[in-house]
Amino acid sequence: MARHRTWLEEPEPQQAETDQDPPDLQQAAAAAAARRAEESTLAVRTRQRYEQVQALRAQGKGIKPIMRETGLAKETVRRFYRAVPRRSG
C-alpha cells in the first residue's frame, strides 16, 4: 500500500486550476469554431441554395417549378421556400 500512497493524495489546488483553460482561450476557441462552421462547404452551399430558392420564389414561381429548375428535392425546396428570413442585428 505504501507504493500506491500517492494515488490517494488530493491533487494540489494549483494543479486543478491549471487543468482548465482560461476563459479568454475558451472564448477564442469558440469563436474559431463558429467561424469554421460559417465557412464550411456545407454552410456555404446551403446558403447559396436558400438564396436561389428565395430568388425564384420572388419571381412568383412555385415549389414544383423551382424543383425542376434547381434539381433539388421537393422537401429541400419546400424547407427553403417556407423559411423565415433571418433578421440581422
PDB file of N, CA and C in Angstrom:
ATOM      1  N   MET A   1       0.824  -1.182   0.000  1.00  0.00           N
ATOM      2  CA  MET A   1       0.000   0.000   0.000  1.00  0.00           C
ATOM      3  C   MET A   1       0.871   1.251   0.000  1.00  0.00           C
ATOM      4  N   ALA A   2       2.024   1.192   0.583  1.00  0.00           N
ATOM      5  CA  ALA A   2       2.887   2.368   0.660  1.00  0.00           C
ATOM      6  C   ALA A   2       3.303   2.832  -0.722  1.00  0.00           C
ATOM      7  N   ARG A   3       3.475   1.908  -1.669  1.00  0.00           N
ATOM      8  CA  ARG A   3       3.873   2.283  -3.023  1.00  0.00           C
ATOM      9  C   ARG A   3       2.798   3.108  -3.729  1.00  0.00           C
ATOM     10  N   HIS A   4       1.566   2.848  -3.399  1.00  0.00           N
ATOM     11  CA  HIS A   4       0.451   3.487  -4.084  1.00  0.00           C
ATOM     12  C   HIS A   4      -0.145   4.639  -3.289  1.00  0.00           C
ATOM     13  N   ARG A   5       0.543   5.038  -2.248  1.00  0.00           N
ATOM     14  CA  ARG A   5       0.025   6.088  -1.388  1.00  0.00           C
ATOM     15  C   ARG A   5      -0.190   7.393  -2.155  1.00  0.00           C
ATOM     16  N   THR A   6       0.626   7.691  -3.143  1.00  0.00           N
ATOM     17  CA  THR A   6       0.479   8.944  -3.902  1.00  0.00           C
ATOM     18  C   THR A   6      -0.837   8.990  -4.663  1.00  0.00           C
ATOM     19  N   TRP A   7      -1.397   7.865  -4.959  1.00  0.00           N
ATOM     20  CA  TRP A   7      -2.677   7.842  -5.655  1.00  0.00           C
ATOM     21  C   TRP A   7      -3.804   8.333  -4.760  1.00  0.00           C
ATOM     22  N   LEU A   8      -3.647   8.168  -3.451  1.00  0.00           N
ATOM     23  CA  LEU A   8      -4.698   8.538  -2.518  1.00  0.00           C
ATOM     24  C   LEU A   8      -4.643  10.002  -2.119  1.00  0.00           C
ATOM     25  N   GLU A   9      -3.561  10.675  -2.413  1.00  0.00           N
ATOM     26  CA  GLU A   9      -3.420  12.071  -2.027  1.00  0.00           C
ATOM     27  C   GLU A   9      -4.284  12.969  -2.910  1.00  0.00           C
ATOM     28  N   GLU A  10      -4.769  14.022  -2.302  1.00  0.00           N
ATOM     29  CA  GLU A  10      -5.555  15.017  -3.034  1.00  0.00           C
ATOM     30  C   GLU A  10      -4.623  15.788  -3.966  1.00  0.00           C
ATOM     31  N   PRO A  11      -5.076  16.144  -5.163  1.00  0.00           N
ATOM     32  CA  PRO A  11      -4.227  16.958  -6.037  1.00  0.00           C
ATOM     33  C   PRO A  11      -4.062  18.348  -5.438  1.00  0.00           C
ATOM     34  N   GLU A  12      -2.932  18.943  -5.710  1.00  0.00           N
ATOM     35  CA  GLU A  12      -2.686  20.286  -5.207  1.00  0.00           C
ATOM     36  C   GLU A  12      -3.623  21.263  -5.908  1.00  0.00           C
ATOM     37  N   PRO A  13      -4.096  22.291  -5.224  1.00  0.00           N
ATOM     38  CA  PRO A  13      -5.030  23.248  -5.837  1.00  0.00           C
ATOM     39  C   PRO A  13      -4.483  23.901  -7.097  1.00  0.00           C
ATOM     40  N   GLN A  14      -3.188  24.145  -7.159  1.00  0.00           N
ATOM     41  CA  GLN A  14      -2.608  24.774  -8.339  1.00  0.00           C
ATOM     42  C   GLN A  14      -2.745  23.867  -9.552  1.00  0.00           C
ATOM     43  N   GLN A  15      -2.597  22.563  -9.370  1.00  0.00           N
ATOM     44  CA  GLN A  15      -2.724  21.635 -10.493  1.00  0.00           C
ATOM     45  C   GLN A  15      -4.147  21.624 -11.021  1.00  0.00           C
ATOM     46  N   ALA A  16      -5.126  21.653 -10.157  1.00  0.00           N
ATOM     47  CA  ALA A  16      -6.522  21.631 -10.586  1.00  0.00           C
ATOM     48  C   ALA A  16      -6.856  22.888 -11.384  1.00  0.00           C
ATOM     49  N   GLU A  17      -6.313  24.025 -10.991  1.00  0.00           N
ATOM     50  CA  GLU A  17      -6.599  25.275 -11.694  1.00  0.00           C
ATOM     51  C   GLU A  17      -5.926  25.324 -13.061  1.00  0.00           C
ATOM     52  N   THR A  18      -4.747  24.744 -13.194  1.00  0.00           N
ATOM     53  CA  THR A  18      -4.040  24.801 -14.468  1.00  0.00           C
ATOM     54  C   THR A  18      -4.616  23.836 -15.488  1.00  0.00           C
ATOM     55  N   ASP A  19      -5.406  22.854 -15.057  1.00  0.00           N
ATOM     56  CA  ASP A  19      -6.012  21.916 -15.992  1.00  0.00           C
ATOM     57  C   ASP A  19      -7.099  22.576 -16.834  1.00  0.00           C
ATOM     58  N   GLN A  20      -7.680  23.659 -16.335  1.00  0.00           N
ATOM     59  CA  GLN A  20      -8.745  24.340 -17.058  1.00  0.00           C
ATOM     60  C   GLN A  20      -8.150  25.451 -17.908  1.00  0.00           C
ATOM     61  N   ASP A  21      -8.741  25.647 -19.096  1.00  0.00           N
ATOM     62  CA  ASP A  21      -8.297  26.733 -19.960  1.00  0.00           C
ATOM     63  C   ASP A  21      -8.824  28.057 -19.415  1.00  0.00           C
ATOM     64  N   PRO A  22      -8.050  29.107 -19.526  1.00  0.00           N
ATOM     65  CA  PRO A  22      -8.554  30.427 -19.120  1.00  0.00           C
ATOM     66  C   PRO A  22      -9.759  30.802 -19.979  1.00  0.00           C
ATOM     67  N   PRO A  23     -10.682  31.594 -19.437  1.00  0.00           N
ATOM     68  CA  PRO A  23     -11.899  31.948 -20.184  1.00  0.00           C
ATOM     69  C   PRO A  23     -11.621  32.578 -21.545  1.00  0.00           C
ATOM     70  N   ASP A  24     -10.581  33.407 -21.660  1.00  0.00           N
ATOM     71  CA  ASP A  24     -10.330  34.050 -22.941  1.00  0.00           C
ATOM     72  C   ASP A  24      -9.882  33.040 -23.996  1.00  0.00           C
ATOM     73  N   LEU A  25      -9.191  31.987 -23.598  1.00  0.00           N
ATOM     74  CA  LEU A  25      -8.832  30.935 -24.556  1.00  0.00           C
ATOM     75  C   LEU A  25     -10.056  30.141 -24.973  1.00  0.00           C
ATOM     76  N   GLN A  26     -10.958  29.909 -24.032  1.00  0.00           N
ATOM     77  CA  GLN A  26     -12.193  29.192 -24.357  1.00  0.00           C
ATOM     78  C   GLN A  26     -13.038  30.016 -25.324  1.00  0.00           C
ATOM     79  N   GLN A  27     -13.105  31.313 -25.087  1.00  0.00           N
ATOM     80  CA  GLN A  27     -13.880  32.181 -25.977  1.00  0.00           C
ATOM     81  C   GLN A  27     -13.260  32.241 -27.362  1.00  0.00           C
ATOM     82  N   ALA A  28     -11.931  32.286 -27.407  1.00  0.00           N
ATOM     83  CA  ALA A  28     -11.249  32.311 -28.699  1.00  0.00           C
ATOM     84  C   ALA A  28     -11.483  31.014 -29.458  1.00  0.00           C
ATOM     85  N   ALA A  29     -11.457  29.898 -28.748  1.00  0.00           N
ATOM     86  CA  ALA A  29     -11.707  28.602 -29.385  1.00  0.00           C
ATOM     87  C   ALA A  29     -13.142  28.518 -29.889  1.00  0.00           C
ATOM     88  N   ALA A  30     -14.077  29.018 -29.105  1.00  0.00           N
ATOM     89  CA  ALA A  30     -15.483  29.005 -29.521  1.00  0.00           C
ATOM     90  C   ALA A  30     -15.690  29.892 -30.741  1.00  0.00           C
ATOM     91  N   ALA A  31     -15.045  31.044 -30.761  1.00  0.00           N
ATOM     92  CA  ALA A  31     -15.165  31.948 -31.911  1.00  0.00           C
ATOM     93  C   ALA A  31     -14.559  31.322 -33.163  1.00  0.00           C
ATOM     94  N   ALA A  32     -13.429  30.648 -33.010  1.00  0.00           N
ATOM     95  CA  ALA A  32     -12.793  29.987 -34.156  1.00  0.00           C
ATOM     96  C   ALA A  32     -13.684  28.872 -34.685  1.00  0.00           C
ATOM     97  N   ALA A  33     -14.298  28.120 -33.794  1.00  0.00           N
ATOM     98  CA  ALA A  33     -15.198  27.042 -34.217  1.00  0.00           C
ATOM     99  C   ALA A  33     -16.412  27.610 -34.942  1.00  0.00           C
ATOM    100  N   ALA A  34     -16.927  28.724 -34.474  1.00  0.00           N
ATOM    101  CA  ALA A  34     -18.077  29.357 -35.126  1.00  0.00           C
ATOM    102  C   ALA A  34     -17.707  29.842 -36.526  1.00  0.00           C
ATOM    103  N   ARG A  35     -16.508  30.428 -36.662  1.00  0.00           N
ATOM    104  CA  ARG A  35     -16.049  30.878 -37.983  1.00  0.00           C
ATOM    105  C   ARG A  35     -15.902  29.697 -38.933  1.00  0.00           C
ATOM    106  N   ARG A  36     -15.323  28.602 -38.446  1.00  0.00           N
ATOM    107  CA  ARG A  36     -15.165  27.416 -39.295  1.00  0.00           C
ATOM    108  C   ARG A  36     -16.520  26.885 -39.729  1.00  0.00           C
ATOM    109  N   ALA A  37     -17.490  26.894 -38.829  1.00  0.00           N
ATOM    110  CA  ALA A  37     -18.826  26.405 -39.170  1.00  0.00           C
ATOM    111  C   ALA A  37     -19.482  27.294 -40.224  1.00  0.00           C
ATOM    112  N   GLU A  38     -19.298  28.612 -40.096  1.00  0.00           N
ATOM    113  CA  GLU A  38     -19.883  29.544 -41.068  1.00  0.00           C
ATOM    114  C   GLU A  38     -19.242  29.415 -42.434  1.00  0.00           C
ATOM    115  N   GLU A  39     -17.963  29.068 -42.455  1.00  0.00           N
ATOM    116  CA  GLU A  39     -17.226  28.992 -43.711  1.00  0.00           C
ATOM    117  C   GLU A  39     -17.165  27.579 -44.284  1.00  0.00           C
ATOM    118  N   SER A  40     -17.818  26.625 -43.633  1.00  0.00           N
ATOM    119  CA  SER A  40     -17.749  25.248 -44.111  1.00  0.00           C
ATOM    120  C   SER A  40     -18.435  25.117 -45.466  1.00  0.00           C
ATOM    121  N   THR A  41     -18.027  24.128 -46.210  1.00  0.00           N
ATOM    122  CA  THR A  41     -18.589  23.892 -47.542  1.00  0.00           C
ATOM    123  C   THR A  41     -20.093  23.678 -47.458  1.00  0.00           C
ATOM    124  N   LEU A  42     -20.538  22.932 -46.465  1.00  0.00           N
ATOM    125  CA  LEU A  42     -21.963  22.657 -46.305  1.00  0.00           C
ATOM    126  C   LEU A  42     -22.738  23.941 -46.036  1.00  0.00           C
ATOM    127  N   ALA A  43     -22.226  24.778 -45.160  1.00  0.00           N
ATOM    128  CA  ALA A  43     -22.922  26.021 -44.825  1.00  0.00           C
ATOM    129  C   ALA A  43     -22.996  26.947 -46.029  1.00  0.00           C
ATOM    130  N   VAL A  44     -21.911  27.052 -46.761  1.00  0.00           N
ATOM    131  CA  VAL A  44     -21.882  27.918 -47.944  1.00  0.00           C
ATOM    132  C   VAL A  44     -22.873  27.410 -48.988  1.00  0.00           C
ATOM    133  N   ARG A  45     -22.856  26.107 -49.248  1.00  0.00           N
ATOM    134  CA  ARG A  45     -23.769  25.524 -50.243  1.00  0.00           C
ATOM    135  C   ARG A  45     -25.228  25.697 -49.819  1.00  0.00           C
ATOM    136  N   THR A  46     -25.505  25.521 -48.536  1.00  0.00           N
ATOM    137  CA  THR A  46     -26.876  25.676 -48.049  1.00  0.00           C
ATOM    138  C   THR A  46     -27.357  27.107 -48.217  1.00  0.00           C
ATOM    139  N   ARG A  47     -26.501  28.084 -47.891  1.00  0.00           N
ATOM    140  CA  ARG A  47     -26.884  29.486 -48.074  1.00  0.00           C
ATOM    141  C   ARG A  47     -27.136  29.801 -49.548  1.00  0.00           C
ATOM    142  N   GLN A  48     -26.302  29.270 -50.433  1.00  0.00           N
ATOM    143  CA  GLN A  48     -26.473  29.516 -51.866  1.00  0.00           C
ATOM    144  C   GLN A  48     -27.793  28.938 -52.360  1.00  0.00           C
ATOM    145  N   ARG A  49     -28.102  27.734 -51.926  1.00  0.00           N
ATOM    146  CA  ARG A  49     -29.365  27.110 -52.345  1.00  0.00           C
ATOM    147  C   ARG A  49     -30.562  27.874 -51.800  1.00  0.00           C
ATOM    148  N   TYR A  50     -30.469  28.296 -50.544  1.00  0.00           N
ATOM    149  CA  TYR A  50     -31.548  29.074 -49.940  1.00  0.00           C
ATOM    150  C   TYR A  50     -31.781  30.354 -50.734  1.00  0.00           C
ATOM    151  N   GLU A  51     -30.703  31.066 -51.037  1.00  0.00           N
ATOM    152  CA  GLU A  51     -30.818  32.316 -51.798  1.00  0.00           C
ATOM    153  C   GLU A  51     -31.403  32.072 -53.180  1.00  0.00           C
ATOM    154  N   GLN A  52     -31.010  30.960 -53.814  1.00  0.00           N
ATOM    155  CA  GLN A  52     -31.522  30.624 -55.141  1.00  0.00           C
ATOM    156  C   GLN A  52     -33.029  30.367 -55.076  1.00  0.00           C
ATOM    157  N   VAL A  53     -33.458  29.593 -54.088  1.00  0.00           N
ATOM    158  CA  VAL A  53     -34.890  29.291 -53.941  1.00  0.00           C
ATOM    159  C   VAL A  53     -35.664  30.572 -53.639  1.00  0.00           C
ATOM    160  N   GLN A  54     -35.128  31.413 -52.768  1.00  0.00           N
ATOM    161  CA  GLN A  54     -35.825  32.660 -52.430  1.00  0.00           C
ATOM    162  C   GLN A  54     -35.911  33.602 -53.633  1.00  0.00           C
ATOM    163  N   ALA A  55     -34.884  33.620 -54.467  1.00  0.00           N
ATOM    164  CA  ALA A  55     -34.907  34.460 -55.667  1.00  0.00           C
ATOM    165  C   ALA A  55     -35.983  33.976 -56.638  1.00  0.00           C
ATOM    166  N   LEU A  56     -36.070  32.673 -56.814  1.00  0.00           N
ATOM    167  CA  LEU A  56     -37.094  32.120 -57.712  1.00  0.00           C
ATOM    168  C   LEU A  56     -38.490  32.327 -57.127  1.00  0.00           C
ATOM    169  N   ARG A  57     -38.606  32.246 -55.817  1.00  0.00           N
ATOM    170  CA  ARG A  57     -39.890  32.494 -55.162  1.00  0.00           C
ATOM    171  C   ARG A  57     -40.310  33.944 -55.385  1.00  0.00           C
ATOM    172  N   ALA A  58     -39.341  34.868 -55.308  1.00  0.00           N
ATOM    173  CA  ALA A  58     -39.637  36.290 -55.520  1.00  0.00           C
ATOM    174  C   ALA A  58     -40.128  36.548 -56.945  1.00  0.00           C
ATOM    175  N   GLN A  59     -39.738  35.669 -57.876  1.00  0.00           N
ATOM    176  CA  GLN A  59     -40.203  35.781 -59.261  1.00  0.00           C
ATOM    177  C   GLN A  59     -41.608  35.208 -59.427  1.00  0.00           C
ATOM    178  N   GLY A  60     -42.159  34.653 -58.346  1.00  0.00           N
ATOM    179  CA  GLY A  60     -43.513  34.125 -58.385  1.00  0.00           C
ATOM    180  C   GLY A  60     -43.609  32.652 -58.729  1.00  0.00           C
ATOM    181  N   LYS A  61     -42.498  31.955 -58.728  1.00  0.00           N
ATOM    182  CA  LYS A  61     -42.511  30.534 -59.064  1.00  0.00           C
ATOM    183  C   LYS A  61     -42.906  29.710 -57.847  1.00  0.00           C
ATOM    184  N   GLY A  62     -43.552  28.587 -58.113  1.00  0.00           N
ATOM    185  CA  GLY A  62     -43.972  27.680 -57.058  1.00  0.00           C
ATOM    186  C   GLY A  62     -42.900  26.649 -56.741  1.00  0.00           C
ATOM    187  N   ILE A  63     -43.242  25.752 -55.834  1.00  0.00           N
ATOM    188  CA  ILE A  63     -42.280  24.745 -55.379  1.00  0.00           C
ATOM    189  C   ILE A  63     -41.889  23.786 -56.506  1.00  0.00           C
ATOM    190  N   LYS A  64     -42.857  23.288 -57.249  1.00  0.00           N
ATOM    191  CA  LYS A  64     -42.543  22.319 -58.315  1.00  0.00           C
ATOM    192  C   LYS A  64     -41.683  22.915 -59.430  1.00  0.00           C
ATOM    193  N   PRO A  65     -41.987  24.114 -59.927  1.00  0.00           N
ATOM    194  CA  PRO A  65     -41.088  24.693 -60.937  1.00  0.00           C
ATOM    195  C   PRO A  65     -39.674  24.951 -60.402  1.00  0.00           C
ATOM    196  N   ILE A  66     -39.581  25.329 -59.139  1.00  0.00           N
ATOM    197  CA  ILE A  66     -38.261  25.533 -58.550  1.00  0.00           C
ATOM    198  C   ILE A  66     -37.520  24.200 -58.450  1.00  0.00           C
ATOM    199  N   MET A  67     -38.234  23.151 -58.110  1.00  0.00           N
ATOM    200  CA  MET A  67     -37.629  21.811 -58.063  1.00  0.00           C
ATOM    201  C   MET A  67     -37.032  21.449 -59.409  1.00  0.00           C
ATOM    202  N   ARG A  68     -37.800  21.657 -60.459  1.00  0.00           N
ATOM    203  CA  ARG A  68     -37.336  21.301 -61.793  1.00  0.00           C
ATOM    204  C   ARG A  68     -36.132  22.141 -62.206  1.00  0.00           C
ATOM    205  N   GLU A  69     -36.172  23.423 -61.883  1.00  0.00           N
ATOM    206  CA  GLU A  69     -35.104  24.322 -62.306  1.00  0.00           C
ATOM    207  C   GLU A  69     -33.799  24.093 -61.535  1.00  0.00           C
ATOM    208  N   THR A  70     -33.913  23.818 -60.252  1.00  0.00           N
ATOM    209  CA  THR A  70     -32.707  23.688 -59.424  1.00  0.00           C
ATOM    210  C   THR A  70     -32.208  22.260 -59.310  1.00  0.00           C
ATOM    211  N   GLY A  71     -33.097  21.295 -59.517  1.00  0.00           N
ATOM    212  CA  GLY A  71     -32.711  19.895 -59.347  1.00  0.00           C
ATOM    213  C   GLY A  71     -32.685  19.459 -57.888  1.00  0.00           C
ATOM    214  N   LEU A  72     -33.235  20.287 -57.009  1.00  0.00           N
ATOM    215  CA  LEU A  72     -33.275  19.944 -55.595  1.00  0.00           C
ATOM    216  C   LEU A  72     -34.500  19.095 -55.280  1.00  0.00           C
ATOM    217  N   ALA A  73     -34.428  18.361 -54.196  1.00  0.00           N
ATOM    218  CA  ALA A  73     -35.544  17.527 -53.759  1.00  0.00           C
ATOM    219  C   ALA A  73     -36.711  18.402 -53.301  1.00  0.00           C
ATOM    220  N   LYS A  74     -37.901  17.841 -53.367  1.00  0.00           N
ATOM    221  CA  LYS A  74     -39.106  18.583 -53.024  1.00  0.00           C
ATOM    222  C   LYS A  74     -39.055  19.118 -51.594  1.00  0.00           C
ATOM    223  N   GLU A  75     -38.661  18.298 -50.647  1.00  0.00           N
ATOM    224  CA  GLU A  75     -38.621  18.737 -49.251  1.00  0.00           C
ATOM    225  C   GLU A  75     -37.559  19.810 -49.009  1.00  0.00           C
ATOM    226  N   THR A  76     -36.470  19.744 -49.737  1.00  0.00           N
ATOM    227  CA  THR A  76     -35.435  20.771 -49.613  1.00  0.00           C
ATOM    228  C   THR A  76     -35.969  22.106 -50.115  1.00  0.00           C
ATOM    229  N   VAL A  77     -36.588  22.085 -51.271  1.00  0.00           N
ATOM    230  CA  VAL A  77     -37.170  23.309 -51.833  1.00  0.00           C
ATOM    231  C   VAL A  77     -38.257  23.832 -50.899  1.00  0.00           C
ATOM    232  N   ARG A  78     -39.092  22.957 -50.413  1.00  0.00           N
ATOM    233  CA  ARG A  78     -40.180  23.363 -49.523  1.00  0.00           C
ATOM    234  C   ARG A  78     -39.626  24.022 -48.249  1.00  0.00           C
ATOM    235  N   ARG A  79     -38.585  23.419 -47.688  1.00  0.00           N
ATOM    236  CA  ARG A  79     -37.984  23.962 -46.465  1.00  0.00           C
ATOM    237  C   ARG A  79     -37.434  25.371 -46.716  1.00  0.00           C
ATOM    238  N   PHE A  80     -36.701  25.549 -47.816  1.00  0.00           N
ATOM    239  CA  PHE A  80     -36.140  26.862 -48.126  1.00  0.00           C
ATOM    240  C   PHE A  80     -37.227  27.845 -48.545  1.00  0.00           C
ATOM    241  N   TYR A  81     -38.237  27.367 -49.226  1.00  0.00           N
ATOM    242  CA  TYR A  81     -39.337  28.206 -49.714  1.00  0.00           C
ATOM    243  C   TYR A  81     -40.112  28.800 -48.548  1.00  0.00           C
ATOM    244  N   ARG A  82     -40.339  27.993 -47.523  1.00  0.00           N
ATOM    245  CA  ARG A  82     -41.151  28.413 -46.384  1.00  0.00           C
ATOM    246  C   ARG A  82     -40.340  29.022 -45.247  1.00  0.00           C
ATOM    247  N   ALA A  83     -39.032  29.005 -45.366  1.00  0.00           N
ATOM    248  CA  ALA A  83     -38.177  29.503 -44.290  1.00  0.00           C
ATOM    249  C   ALA A  83     -38.377  30.994 -44.072  1.00  0.00           C
ATOM    250  N   VAL A  84     -38.378  31.386 -42.826  1.00  0.00           N
ATOM    251  CA  VAL A  84     -38.489  32.796 -42.479  1.00  0.00           C
ATOM    252  C   VAL A  84     -37.092  33.384 -42.545  1.00  0.00           C
ATOM    253  N   PRO A  85     -36.910  34.457 -43.285  1.00  0.00           N
ATOM    254  CA  PRO A  85     -35.563  35.042 -43.387  1.00  0.00           C
ATOM    255  C   PRO A  85     -35.060  35.510 -42.018  1.00  0.00           C
ATOM    256  N   ARG A  86     -33.756  35.354 -41.809  1.00  0.00           N
ATOM    257  CA  ARG A  86     -33.149  35.814 -40.554  1.00  0.00           C
ATOM    258  C   ARG A  86     -33.065  37.322 -40.566  1.00  0.00           C
ATOM    259  N   ARG A  87     -33.265  37.877 -39.403  1.00  0.00           N
ATOM    260  CA  ARG A  87     -33.090  39.325 -39.252  1.00  0.00           C
ATOM    261  C   ARG A  87     -31.707  39.567 -38.710  1.00  0.00           C
ATOM    262  N   SER A  88     -31.004  40.465 -39.308  1.00  0.00           N
ATOM    263  CA  SER A  88     -29.644  40.764 -38.837  1.00  0.00           C
ATOM    264  C   SER A  88     -29.702  41.902 -37.826  1.00  0.00           C
ATOM    265  N   GLY A  89     -28.797  41.818 -36.848  1.00  0.00           N
ATOM    266  CA  GLY A  89     -28.653  42.878 -35.871  1.00  0.00           C
ATOM    267  C   GLY A  89     -29.402  42.597 -34.674  1.00  0.00           C
TER     268      GLY A  89
END
